[in-house]
């Protein structure tokens, strides 16, 4: 049950945050060089610190959780994994995948940097 609720929350959260950032970015581009410089400053300077990393990790975790739960729902839609034990294992697997994929993604980003 909690995995389905998290699926909705992560989808809505990513859609809301993504839309706001996209609209801000498009407005900054259309506003000219000074407007885009302000946008770039906020993302590179302000969000480049600990708050930005925490925000980025949260969005990444949200993305991988939404992805894994979407795959889980697809498996359920095909008619598989409806027993309680299999359903619970799938729910735990989505949580583990999202945490491990987020850790691997950010480990890769720090190594590339």
PDB file of N, CA and C in Angstrom:
ATOM      1  N   UNK A   1       0.824  -1.196   0.000  1.00  0.00           N
ATOM      2  CA  UNK A   1       0.000   0.000   0.000  1.00  0.00           C
ATOM      3  C   UNK A   1       0.870   1.263   0.000  1.00  0.00           C
ATOM      4  N   UNK A   2       1.900   1.267   0.855  1.00  0.00           N
ATOM      5  CA  UNK A   2       2.742   2.459   0.950  1.00  0.00           C
ATOM      6  C   UNK A   2       3.504   2.695  -0.353  1.00  0.00           C
ATOM      7  N   UNK A   3       3.849   1.616  -1.054  1.00  0.00           N
ATOM      8  CA  UNK A   3       4.591   1.771  -2.306  1.00  0.00           C
ATOM      9  C   UNK A   3       3.715   2.439  -3.365  1.00  0.00           C
ATOM     10  N   UNK A   4       2.442   2.090  -3.409  1.00  0.00           N
ATOM     11  CA  UNK A   4       1.530   2.730  -4.364  1.00  0.00           C
ATOM     12  C   UNK A   4       1.336   4.208  -4.035  1.00  0.00           C
ATOM     13  N   UNK A   5       1.250   4.516  -2.760  1.00  0.00           N
ATOM     14  CA  UNK A   5       1.113   5.914  -2.347  1.00  0.00           C
ATOM     15  C   UNK A   5       2.382   6.692  -2.689  1.00  0.00           C
ATOM     16  N   UNK A   6       3.554   6.085  -2.431  1.00  0.00           N
ATOM     17  CA  UNK A   6       4.820   6.733  -2.781  1.00  0.00           C
ATOM     18  C   UNK A   6       4.930   6.946  -4.291  1.00  0.00           C
ATOM     19  N   UNK A   7       4.387   6.018  -5.062  1.00  0.00           N
ATOM     20  CA  UNK A   7       4.409   6.153  -6.519  1.00  0.00           C
ATOM     21  C   UNK A   7       3.653   7.415  -6.943  1.00  0.00           C
ATOM     22  N   UNK A   8       2.523   7.633  -6.344  1.00  0.00           N
ATOM     23  CA  UNK A   8       1.734   8.830  -6.673  1.00  0.00           C
ATOM     24  C   UNK A   8       2.435  10.103  -6.191  1.00  0.00           C
ATOM     25  N   UNK A   9       2.961  10.056  -4.978  1.00  0.00           N
ATOM     26  CA  UNK A   9       3.637  11.232  -4.414  1.00  0.00           C
ATOM     27  C   UNK A   9       4.868  11.594  -5.235  1.00  0.00           C
ATOM     28  N   UNK A  10       5.689  10.589  -5.580  1.00  0.00           N
ATOM     29  CA  UNK A  10       6.902  10.881  -6.345  1.00  0.00           C
ATOM     30  C   UNK A  10       6.568  11.390  -7.741  1.00  0.00           C
ATOM     31  N   UNK A  11       5.545  10.826  -8.355  1.00  0.00           N
ATOM     32  CA  UNK A  11       5.139  11.303  -9.680  1.00  0.00           C
ATOM     33  C   UNK A  11       4.647  12.735  -9.641  1.00  0.00           C
ATOM     34  N   UNK A  12       3.785  13.032  -8.678  1.00  0.00           N
ATOM     35  CA  UNK A  12       3.276  14.404  -8.545  1.00  0.00           C
ATOM     36  C   UNK A  12       4.389  15.376  -8.188  1.00  0.00           C
ATOM     37  N   UNK A  13       5.268  14.971  -7.288  1.00  0.00           N
ATOM     38  CA  UNK A  13       6.368  15.840  -6.874  1.00  0.00           C
ATOM     39  C   UNK A  13       7.313  16.158  -8.015  1.00  0.00           C
ATOM     40  N   UNK A  14       7.692  15.119  -8.770  1.00  0.00           N
ATOM     41  CA  UNK A  14       8.595  15.352  -9.899  1.00  0.00           C
ATOM     42  C   UNK A  14       7.928  16.195 -10.975  1.00  0.00           C
ATOM     43  N   UNK A  15       6.641  15.967 -11.207  1.00  0.00           N
ATOM     44  CA  UNK A  15       5.928  16.755 -12.215  1.00  0.00           C
ATOM     45  C   UNK A  15       5.837  18.217 -11.796  1.00  0.00           C
ATOM     46  N   UNK A  16       5.549  18.461 -10.529  1.00  0.00           N
ATOM     47  CA  UNK A  16       5.421  19.830 -10.039  1.00  0.00           C
ATOM     48  C   UNK A  16       6.762  20.553 -10.070  1.00  0.00           C
ATOM     49  N   UNK A  17       7.778  19.947  -9.469  1.00  0.00           N
ATOM     50  CA  UNK A  17       9.102  20.575  -9.427  1.00  0.00           C
ATOM     51  C   UNK A  17       9.660  20.714 -10.840  1.00  0.00           C
ATOM     52  N   UNK A  18       9.519  19.675 -11.640  1.00  0.00           N
ATOM     53  CA  UNK A  18      10.022  19.728 -13.010  1.00  0.00           C
ATOM     54  C   UNK A  18       9.361  20.810 -13.834  1.00  0.00           C
ATOM     55  N   UNK A  19       8.061  20.968 -13.678  1.00  0.00           N
ATOM     56  CA  UNK A  19       7.339  22.002 -14.423  1.00  0.00           C
ATOM     57  C   UNK A  19       7.777  23.397 -13.995  1.00  0.00           C
ATOM     58  N   UNK A  20       7.919  23.600 -12.698  1.00  0.00           N
ATOM     59  CA  UNK A  20       8.347  24.911 -12.198  1.00  0.00           C
ATOM     60  C   UNK A  20       9.742  25.255 -12.718  1.00  0.00           C
ATOM     61  N   UNK A  21      10.667  24.305 -12.637  1.00  0.00           N
ATOM     62  CA  UNK A  21      12.032  24.564 -13.101  1.00  0.00           C
ATOM     63  C   UNK A  21      12.052  24.774 -14.615  1.00  0.00           C
ATOM     64  N   UNK A  22      11.291  23.987 -15.355  1.00  0.00           N
ATOM     65  CA  UNK A  22      11.245  24.147 -16.810  1.00  0.00           C
ATOM     66  C   UNK A  22      10.694  25.510 -17.209  1.00  0.00           C
ATOM     67  N   UNK A  23       9.612  25.934 -16.581  1.00  0.00           N
ATOM     68  CA  UNK A  23       9.027  27.243 -16.896  1.00  0.00           C
ATOM     69  C   UNK A  23       9.997  28.356 -16.523  1.00  0.00           C
ATOM     70  N   UNK A  24      10.670  28.217 -15.374  1.00  0.00           N
ATOM     71  CA  UNK A  24      11.646  29.223 -14.963  1.00  0.00           C
ATOM     72  C   UNK A  24      12.797  29.283 -15.964  1.00  0.00           C
ATOM     73  N   UNK A  25      13.284  28.122 -16.400  1.00  0.00           N
ATOM     74  CA  UNK A  25      14.379  28.055 -17.358  1.00  0.00           C
ATOM     75  C   UNK A  25      13.974  28.687 -18.689  1.00  0.00           C
ATOM     76  N   UNK A  26      12.780  28.359 -19.189  1.00  0.00           N
ATOM     77  CA  UNK A  26      12.301  28.941 -20.444  1.00  0.00           C
ATOM     78  C   UNK A  26      12.131  30.453 -20.329  1.00  0.00           C
ATOM     79  N   UNK A  27      11.625  30.915 -19.187  1.00  0.00           N
ATOM     80  CA  UNK A  27      11.479  32.356 -18.971  1.00  0.00           C
ATOM     81  C   UNK A  27      12.845  33.026 -18.917  1.00  0.00           C
ATOM     82  N   UNK A  28      13.825  32.351 -18.307  1.00  0.00           N
ATOM     83  CA  UNK A  28      15.171  32.915 -18.228  1.00  0.00           C
ATOM     84  C   UNK A  28      15.808  33.005 -19.608  1.00  0.00           C
ATOM     85  N   UNK A  29      15.594  31.989 -20.422  1.00  0.00           N
ATOM     86  CA  UNK A  29      16.143  32.016 -21.782  1.00  0.00           C
ATOM     87  C   UNK A  29      15.500  33.137 -22.597  1.00  0.00           C
ATOM     88  N   UNK A  30      14.194  33.253 -22.504  1.00  0.00           N
ATOM     89  CA  UNK A  30      13.506  34.276 -23.298  1.00  0.00           C
ATOM     90  C   UNK A  30      13.713  35.677 -22.736  1.00  0.00           C
ATOM     91  N   UNK A  31      14.146  35.779 -21.485  1.00  0.00           N
ATOM     92  CA  UNK A  31      14.340  37.079 -20.862  1.00  0.00           C
ATOM     93  C   UNK A  31      15.646  37.754 -21.210  1.00  0.00           C
ATOM     94  N   UNK A  32      16.548  37.037 -21.847  1.00  0.00           N
ATOM     95  CA  UNK A  32      17.816  37.633 -22.233  1.00  0.00           C
ATOM     96  C   UNK A  32      18.972  37.163 -21.370  1.00  0.00           C
ATOM     97  N   UNK A  33      20.129  37.751 -21.639  1.00  0.00           N
ATOM     98  CA  UNK A  33      21.370  37.311 -20.999  1.00  0.00           C
ATOM     99  C   UNK A  33      21.366  37.547 -19.490  1.00  0.00           C
ATOM    100  N   UNK A  34      20.862  38.691 -19.055  1.00  0.00           N
ATOM    101  CA  UNK A  34      20.853  38.993 -17.616  1.00  0.00           C
ATOM    102  C   UNK A  34      19.918  38.051 -16.869  1.00  0.00           C
ATOM    103  N   UNK A  35      18.788  37.772 -17.458  1.00  0.00           N
ATOM    104  CA  UNK A  35      17.822  36.869 -16.836  1.00  0.00           C
ATOM    105  C   UNK A  35      18.388  35.456 -16.729  1.00  0.00           C
ATOM    106  N   UNK A  36      19.045  35.003 -17.798  1.00  0.00           N
ATOM    107  CA  UNK A  36      19.631  33.666 -17.767  1.00  0.00           C
ATOM    108  C   UNK A  36      20.812  33.612 -16.807  1.00  0.00           C
ATOM    109  N   UNK A  37      21.559  34.693 -16.689  1.00  0.00           N
ATOM    110  CA  UNK A  37      22.679  34.732 -15.748  1.00  0.00           C
ATOM    111  C   UNK A  37      22.182  34.585 -14.314  1.00  0.00           C
ATOM    112  N   UNK A  38      21.046  35.198 -14.004  1.00  0.00           N
ATOM    113  CA  UNK A  38      20.450  35.042 -12.674  1.00  0.00           C
ATOM    114  C   UNK A  38      20.039  33.598 -12.439  1.00  0.00           C
ATOM    115  N   UNK A  39      19.398  32.990 -13.417  1.00  0.00           N
ATOM    116  CA  UNK A  39      18.991  31.585 -13.322  1.00  0.00           C
ATOM    117  C   UNK A  39      20.210  30.694 -13.096  1.00  0.00           C
ATOM    118  N   UNK A  40      21.243  30.921 -13.883  1.00  0.00           N
ATOM    119  CA  UNK A  40      22.461  30.118 -13.778  1.00  0.00           C
ATOM    120  C   UNK A  40      23.136  30.321 -12.431  1.00  0.00           C
ATOM    121  N   UNK A  41      23.145  31.555 -11.940  1.00  0.00           N
ATOM    122  CA  UNK A  41      23.747  31.844 -10.641  1.00  0.00           C
ATOM    123  C   UNK A  41      23.030  31.085  -9.525  1.00  0.00           C
ATOM    124  N   UNK A  42      21.721  31.085  -9.559  1.00  0.00           N
ATOM    125  CA  UNK A  42      20.950  30.386  -8.523  1.00  0.00           C
ATOM    126  C   UNK A  42      21.272  28.899  -8.544  1.00  0.00           C
ATOM    127  N   UNK A  43      21.339  28.302  -9.723  1.00  0.00           N
ATOM    128  CA  UNK A  43      21.576  26.865  -9.799  1.00  0.00           C
ATOM    129  C   UNK A  43      23.022  26.487  -9.541  1.00  0.00           C
ATOM    130  N   UNK A  44      23.965  27.297  -9.959  1.00  0.00           N
ATOM    131  CA  UNK A  44      25.368  26.937  -9.786  1.00  0.00           C
ATOM    132  C   UNK A  44      25.913  27.346  -8.421  1.00  0.00           C
ATOM    133  N   UNK A  45      25.521  28.509  -7.938  1.00  0.00           N
ATOM    134  CA  UNK A  45      26.066  29.002  -6.679  1.00  0.00           C
ATOM    135  C   UNK A  45      25.226  28.569  -5.481  1.00  0.00           C
ATOM    136  N   UNK A  46      23.946  28.916  -5.512  1.00  0.00           N
ATOM    137  CA  UNK A  46      23.090  28.636  -4.358  1.00  0.00           C
ATOM    138  C   UNK A  46      22.805  27.147  -4.218  1.00  0.00           C
ATOM    139  N   UNK A  47      22.364  26.517  -5.307  1.00  0.00           N
ATOM    140  CA  UNK A  47      22.014  25.099  -5.247  1.00  0.00           C
ATOM    141  C   UNK A  47      23.229  24.196  -5.380  1.00  0.00           C
ATOM    142  N   UNK A  48      24.403  24.752  -5.575  1.00  0.00           N
ATOM    143  CA  UNK A  48      25.608  23.943  -5.693  1.00  0.00           C
ATOM    144  C   UNK A  48      26.150  23.477  -4.359  1.00  0.00           C
ATOM    145  N   UNK A  49      25.590  23.963  -3.259  1.00  0.00           N
ATOM    146  CA  UNK A  49      26.050  23.578  -1.932  1.00  0.00           C
ATOM    147  C   UNK A  49      25.299  22.378  -1.390  1.00  0.00           C
ATOM    148  N   UNK A  50      25.285  22.278  -0.070  1.00  0.00           N
ATOM    149  CA  UNK A  50      24.669  21.133   0.601  1.00  0.00           C
ATOM    150  C   UNK A  50      23.168  21.054   0.340  1.00  0.00           C
ATOM    151  N   UNK A  51      22.506  22.197   0.311  1.00  0.00           N
ATOM    152  CA  UNK A  51      21.061  22.201   0.056  1.00  0.00           C
ATOM    153  C   UNK A  51      20.779  21.672  -1.346  1.00  0.00           C
ATOM    154  N   UNK A  52      21.581  22.074  -2.293  1.00  0.00           N
ATOM    155  CA  UNK A  52      21.407  21.610  -3.666  1.00  0.00           C
ATOM    156  C   UNK A  52      21.627  20.114  -3.805  1.00  0.00           C
ATOM    157  N   UNK A  53      22.669  19.614  -3.120  1.00  0.00           N
ATOM    158  CA  UNK A  53      22.919  18.173  -3.173  1.00  0.00           C
ATOM    159  C   UNK A  53      21.785  17.394  -2.520  1.00  0.00           C
ATOM    160  N   UNK A  54      21.295  17.881  -1.399  1.00  0.00           N
ATOM    161  CA  UNK A  54      20.179  17.214  -0.730  1.00  0.00           C
ATOM    162  C   UNK A  54      18.939  17.224  -1.624  1.00  0.00           C
ATOM    163  N   UNK A  55      18.690  18.341  -2.259  1.00  0.00           N
ATOM    164  CA  UNK A  55      17.571  18.466  -3.194  1.00  0.00           C
ATOM    165  C   UNK A  55      17.748  17.508  -4.378  1.00  0.00           C
ATOM    166  N   UNK A  56      18.950  17.459  -4.917  1.00  0.00           N
ATOM    167  CA  UNK A  56      19.243  16.574  -6.046  1.00  0.00           C
ATOM    168  C   UNK A  56      19.124  15.106  -5.690  1.00  0.00           C
ATOM    169  N   UNK A  57      19.614  14.747  -4.514  1.00  0.00           N
ATOM    170  CA  UNK A  57      19.503  13.357  -4.065  1.00  0.00           C
ATOM    171  C   UNK A  57      18.041  12.994  -3.858  1.00  0.00           C
ATOM    172  N   UNK A  58      17.271  13.914  -3.305  1.00  0.00           N
ATOM    173  CA  UNK A  58      15.843  13.660  -3.116  1.00  0.00           C
ATOM    174  C   UNK A  58      15.114  13.463  -4.433  1.00  0.00           C
ATOM    175  N   UNK A  59      15.421  14.300  -5.422  1.00  0.00           N
ATOM    176  CA  UNK A  59      14.791  14.141  -6.738  1.00  0.00           C
ATOM    177  C   UNK A  59      15.229  12.846  -7.415  1.00  0.00           C
ATOM    178  N   UNK A  60      16.497  12.489  -7.245  1.00  0.00           N
ATOM    179  CA  UNK A  60      16.986  11.247  -7.838  1.00  0.00           C
ATOM    180  C   UNK A  60      16.331  10.037  -7.186  1.00  0.00           C
ATOM    181  N   UNK A  61      16.227  10.065  -5.862  1.00  0.00           N
ATOM    182  CA  UNK A  61      15.548   8.976  -5.155  1.00  0.00           C
ATOM    183  C   UNK A  61      14.094   8.891  -5.594  1.00  0.00           C
ATOM    184  N   UNK A  62      13.469  10.030  -5.742  1.00  0.00           N
ATOM    185  CA  UNK A  62      12.086  10.078  -6.203  1.00  0.00           C
ATOM    186  C   UNK A  62      11.961   9.480  -7.603  1.00  0.00           C
ATOM    187  N   UNK A  63      12.894   9.821  -8.477  1.00  0.00           N
ATOM    188  CA  UNK A  63      12.866   9.287  -9.842  1.00  0.00           C
ATOM    189  C   UNK A  63      12.999   7.770  -9.853  1.00  0.00           C
ATOM    190  N   UNK A  64      13.999   7.252  -9.143  1.00  0.00           N
ATOM    191  CA  UNK A  64      14.214   5.806  -9.159  1.00  0.00           C
ATOM    192  C   UNK A  64      13.082   5.055  -8.459  1.00  0.00           C
ATOM    193  N   UNK A  65      12.510   5.645  -7.415  1.00  0.00           N
ATOM    194  CA  UNK A  65      11.368   5.012  -6.751  1.00  0.00           C
ATOM    195  C   UNK A  65      10.175   4.959  -7.701  1.00  0.00           C
ATOM    196  N   UNK A  66       9.935   6.046  -8.402  1.00  0.00           N
ATOM    197  CA  UNK A  66       8.817   6.096  -9.345  1.00  0.00           C
ATOM    198  C   UNK A  66       9.036   5.101 -10.493  1.00  0.00           C
ATOM    199  N   UNK A  67      10.262   5.017 -10.975  1.00  0.00           N
ATOM    200  CA  UNK A  67      10.595   4.081 -12.046  1.00  0.00           C
ATOM    201  C   UNK A  67      10.371   2.633 -11.607  1.00  0.00           C
ATOM    202  N   UNK A  68      10.910   2.275 -10.452  1.00  0.00           N
ATOM    203  CA  UNK A  68      10.791   0.896  -9.964  1.00  0.00           C
ATOM    204  C   UNK A  68       9.342   0.528  -9.672  1.00  0.00           C
ATOM    205  N   UNK A  69       8.604   1.441  -9.093  1.00  0.00           N
ATOM    206  CA  UNK A  69       7.200   1.153  -8.794  1.00  0.00           C
ATOM    207  C   UNK A  69       6.384   1.070 -10.079  1.00  0.00           C
ATOM    208  N   UNK A  70       6.734   1.846 -11.075  1.00  0.00           N
ATOM    209  CA  UNK A  70       6.063   1.742 -12.366  1.00  0.00           C
ATOM    210  C   UNK A  70       6.270   0.375 -12.995  1.00  0.00           C
ATOM    211  N   UNK A  71       7.491  -0.143 -12.900  1.00  0.00           N
ATOM    212  CA  UNK A  71       7.770  -1.494 -13.398  1.00  0.00           C
ATOM    213  C   UNK A  71       6.987  -2.518 -12.584  1.00  0.00           C
ATOM    214  N   UNK A  72       6.929  -2.324 -11.269  1.00  0.00           N
ATOM    215  CA  UNK A  72       6.165  -3.235 -10.404  1.00  0.00           C
ATOM    216  C   UNK A  72       4.686  -3.232 -10.790  1.00  0.00           C
ATOM    217  N   UNK A  73       4.135  -2.060 -11.043  1.00  0.00           N
ATOM    218  CA  UNK A  73       2.734  -1.974 -11.461  1.00  0.00           C
ATOM    219  C   UNK A  73       2.523  -2.641 -12.823  1.00  0.00           C
ATOM    220  N   UNK A  74       3.497  -2.522 -13.702  1.00  0.00           N
ATOM    221  CA  UNK A  74       3.400  -3.188 -14.998  1.00  0.00           C
ATOM    222  C   UNK A  74       3.345  -4.705 -14.816  1.00  0.00           C
ATOM    223  N   UNK A  75       4.191  -5.226 -13.932  1.00  0.00           N
ATOM    224  CA  UNK A  75       4.186  -6.669 -13.648  1.00  0.00           C
ATOM    225  C   UNK A  75       2.835  -7.079 -13.069  1.00  0.00           C
ATOM    226  N   UNK A  76       2.293  -6.260 -12.176  1.00  0.00           N
ATOM    227  CA  UNK A  76       0.975  -6.565 -11.612  1.00  0.00           C
ATOM    228  C   UNK A  76      -0.116  -6.506 -12.684  1.00  0.00           C
ATOM    229  N   UNK A  77       0.016  -5.581 -13.627  1.00  0.00           N
ATOM    230  CA  UNK A  77      -0.979  -5.461 -14.695  1.00  0.00           C
ATOM    231  C   UNK A  77      -1.005  -6.680 -15.609  1.00  0.00           C
ATOM    232  N   UNK A  78       0.140  -7.357 -15.725  1.00  0.00           N
ATOM    233  CA  UNK A  78       0.183  -8.555 -16.559  1.00  0.00           C
ATOM    234  C   UNK A  78      -0.420  -9.751 -15.829  1.00  0.00           C
ATOM    235  N   UNK A  79      -0.713  -9.578 -14.549  1.00  0.00           N
ATOM    236  CA  UNK A  79      -1.355 -10.641 -13.783  1.00  0.00           C
ATOM    237  C   UNK A  79      -0.409 -11.449 -12.926  1.00  0.00           C
ATOM    238  N   UNK A  80       0.830 -11.045 -12.835  1.00  0.00           N
ATOM    239  CA  UNK A  80       1.807 -11.785 -12.036  1.00  0.00           C
ATOM    240  C   UNK A  80       1.966 -11.137 -10.666  1.00  0.00           C
ATOM    241  N   UNK A  81       2.431 -11.910  -9.718  1.00  0.00           N
ATOM    242  CA  UNK A  81       2.845 -11.407  -8.400  1.00  0.00           C
ATOM    243  C   UNK A  81       1.684 -10.892  -7.552  1.00  0.00           C
ATOM    244  N   UNK A  82       0.529 -11.523  -7.661  1.00  0.00           N
ATOM    245  CA  UNK A  82      -0.619 -11.073  -6.876  1.00  0.00           C
ATOM    246  C   UNK A  82      -0.693 -11.705  -5.494  1.00  0.00           C
ATOM    247  N   UNK A  83       0.084 -12.756  -5.256  1.00  0.00           N
ATOM    248  CA  UNK A  83       0.045 -13.344  -3.918  1.00  0.00           C
ATOM    249  C   UNK A  83       0.735 -12.408  -2.937  1.00  0.00           C
ATOM    250  N   UNK A  84       0.369 -12.524  -1.674  1.00  0.00           N
ATOM    251  CA  UNK A  84       0.851 -11.585  -0.656  1.00  0.00           C
ATOM    252  C   UNK A  84       2.367 -11.610  -0.525  1.00  0.00           C
ATOM    253  N   UNK A  85       2.943 -12.808  -0.528  1.00  0.00           N
ATOM    254  CA  UNK A  85       4.395 -12.924  -0.363  1.00  0.00           C
ATOM    255  C   UNK A  85       5.139 -12.292  -1.551  1.00  0.00           C
ATOM    256  N   UNK A  86       4.697 -12.572  -2.760  1.00  0.00           N
ATOM    257  CA  UNK A  86       5.339 -12.001  -3.942  1.00  0.00           C
ATOM    258  C   UNK A  86       5.150 -10.496  -4.039  1.00  0.00           C
ATOM    259  N   UNK A  87       3.967 -10.039  -3.661  1.00  0.00           N
ATOM    260  CA  UNK A  87       3.680  -8.612  -3.692  1.00  0.00           C
ATOM    261  C   UNK A  87       4.550  -7.860  -2.689  1.00  0.00           C
ATOM    262  N   UNK A  88       4.700  -8.439  -1.513  1.00  0.00           N
ATOM    263  CA  UNK A  88       5.552  -7.815  -0.492  1.00  0.00           C
ATOM    264  C   UNK A  88       7.010  -7.791  -0.941  1.00  0.00           C
ATOM    265  N   UNK A  89       7.463  -8.890  -1.538  1.00  0.00           N
ATOM    266  CA  UNK A  89       8.844  -8.947  -2.033  1.00  0.00           C
ATOM    267  C   UNK A  89       9.068  -7.903  -3.125  1.00  0.00           C
ATOM    268  N   UNK A  90       8.085  -7.722  -3.992  1.00  0.00           N
ATOM    269  CA  UNK A  90       8.195  -6.700  -5.029  1.00  0.00           C
ATOM    270  C   UNK A  90       8.252  -5.297  -4.454  1.00  0.00           C
ATOM    271  N   UNK A  91       7.475  -5.068  -3.403  1.00  0.00           N
ATOM    272  CA  UNK A  91       7.490  -3.754  -2.747  1.00  0.00           C
ATOM    273  C   UNK A  91       8.840  -3.469  -2.113  1.00  0.00           C
ATOM    274  N   UNK A  92       9.387  -4.469  -1.438  1.00  0.00           N
ATOM    275  CA  UNK A  92      10.703  -4.302  -0.811  1.00  0.00           C
ATOM    276  C   UNK A  92      11.772  -4.110  -1.882  1.00  0.00           C
ATOM    277  N   UNK A  93      11.641  -4.839  -2.983  1.00  0.00           N
ATOM    278  CA  UNK A  93      12.618  -4.715  -4.069  1.00  0.00           C
ATOM    279  C   UNK A  93      12.613  -3.310  -4.664  1.00  0.00           C
ATOM    280  N   UNK A  94      11.434  -2.691  -4.776  1.00  0.00           N
ATOM    281  CA  UNK A  94      11.389  -1.328  -5.318  1.00  0.00           C
ATOM    282  C   UNK A  94      12.103  -0.346  -4.398  1.00  0.00           C
ATOM    283  N   UNK A  95      11.915  -0.527  -3.099  1.00  0.00           N
ATOM    284  CA  UNK A  95      12.587   0.355  -2.135  1.00  0.00           C
ATOM    285  C   UNK A  95      14.103   0.166  -2.192  1.00  0.00           C
ATOM    286  N   UNK A  96      14.535  -1.096  -2.191  1.00  0.00           N
ATOM    287  CA  UNK A  96      15.974  -1.373  -2.247  1.00  0.00           C
ATOM    288  C   UNK A  96      16.586  -0.851  -3.545  1.00  0.00           C
ATOM    289  N   UNK A  97      15.902  -1.085  -4.648  1.00  0.00           N
ATOM    290  CA  UNK A  97      16.414  -0.612  -5.932  1.00  0.00           C
ATOM    291  C   UNK A  97      16.572   0.901  -5.938  1.00  0.00           C
ATOM    292  N   UNK A  98      15.571   1.601  -5.445  1.00  0.00           N
ATOM    293  CA  UNK A  98      15.632   3.065  -5.498  1.00  0.00           C
ATOM    294  C   UNK A  98      16.779   3.609  -4.652  1.00  0.00           C
ATOM    295  N   UNK A  99      16.996   3.033  -3.488  1.00  0.00           N
ATOM    296  CA  UNK A  99      18.097   3.490  -2.624  1.00  0.00           C
ATOM    297  C   UNK A  99      19.446   3.143  -3.251  1.00  0.00           C
ATOM    298  N   UNK A 100      19.594   1.906  -3.733  1.00  0.00           N
ATOM    299  CA  UNK A 100      20.869   1.490  -4.322  1.00  0.00           C
ATOM    300  C   UNK A 100      21.160   2.222  -5.632  1.00  0.00           C
ATOM    301  N   UNK A 101      20.154   2.426  -6.458  1.00  0.00           N
ATOM    302  CA  UNK A 101      20.361   3.140  -7.720  1.00  0.00           C
ATOM    303  C   UNK A 101      20.720   4.605  -7.466  1.00  0.00           C
ATOM    304  N   UNK A 102      20.090   5.211  -6.465  1.00  0.00           N
ATOM    305  CA  UNK A 102      20.421   6.595  -6.114  1.00  0.00           C
ATOM    306  C   UNK A 102      21.854   6.689  -5.615  1.00  0.00           C
ATOM    307  N   UNK A 103      22.245   5.761  -4.743  1.00  0.00           N
ATOM    308  CA  UNK A 103      23.620   5.753  -4.226  1.00  0.00           C
ATOM    309  C   UNK A 103      24.622   5.543  -5.356  1.00  0.00           C
ATOM    310  N   UNK A 104      24.333   4.626  -6.265  1.00  0.00           N
ATOM    311  CA  UNK A 104      25.239   4.366  -7.384  1.00  0.00           C
ATOM    312  C   UNK A 104      25.325   5.577  -8.315  1.00  0.00           C
ATOM    313  N   UNK A 105      24.206   6.208  -8.576  1.00  0.00           N
ATOM    314  CA  UNK A 105      24.176   7.379  -9.452  1.00  0.00           C
ATOM    315  C   UNK A 105      25.017   8.512  -8.876  1.00  0.00           C
ATOM    316  N   UNK A 106      24.838   8.795  -7.585  1.00  0.00           N
ATOM    317  CA  UNK A 106      25.589   9.891  -6.978  1.00  0.00           C
ATOM    318  C   UNK A 106      27.049   9.527  -6.755  1.00  0.00           C
ATOM    319  N   UNK A 107      27.345   8.262  -6.546  1.00  0.00           N
ATOM    320  CA  UNK A 107      28.749   7.839  -6.464  1.00  0.00           C
ATOM    321  C   UNK A 107      29.428   8.055  -7.813  1.00  0.00           C
ATOM    322  N   UNK A 108      28.730   7.727  -8.876  1.00  0.00           N
ATOM    323  CA  UNK A 108      29.267   7.947 -10.219  1.00  0.00           C
ATOM    324  C   UNK A 108      29.479   9.438 -10.484  1.00  0.00           C
ATOM    325  N   UNK A 109      28.506  10.259 -10.099  1.00  0.00           N
ATOM    326  CA  UNK A 109      28.641  11.702 -10.316  1.00  0.00           C
ATOM    327  C   UNK A 109      29.829  12.284  -9.564  1.00  0.00           C
ATOM    328  N   UNK A 110      30.068  11.816  -8.357  1.00  0.00           N
ATOM    329  CA  UNK A 110      31.199  12.345  -7.589  1.00  0.00           C
ATOM    330  C   UNK A 110      32.529  11.845  -8.145  1.00  0.00           C
ATOM    331  N   UNK A 111      32.544  10.650  -8.741  1.00  0.00           N
ATOM    332  CA  UNK A 111      33.788  10.148  -9.337  1.00  0.00           C
ATOM    333  C   UNK A 111      34.109  10.885 -10.626  1.00  0.00           C
ATOM    334  N   UNK A 112      33.090  11.213 -11.404  1.00  0.00           N
ATOM    335  CA  UNK A 112      33.298  11.910 -12.675  1.00  0.00           C
ATOM    336  C   UNK A 112      33.767  13.336 -12.434  1.00  0.00           C
ATOM    337  N   UNK A 113      33.240  13.949 -11.392  1.00  0.00           N
ATOM    338  CA  UNK A 113      33.568  15.334 -11.071  1.00  0.00           C
ATOM    339  C   UNK A 113      35.015  15.420 -10.731  1.00  0.00           C
TER     340      UNK A 113
END
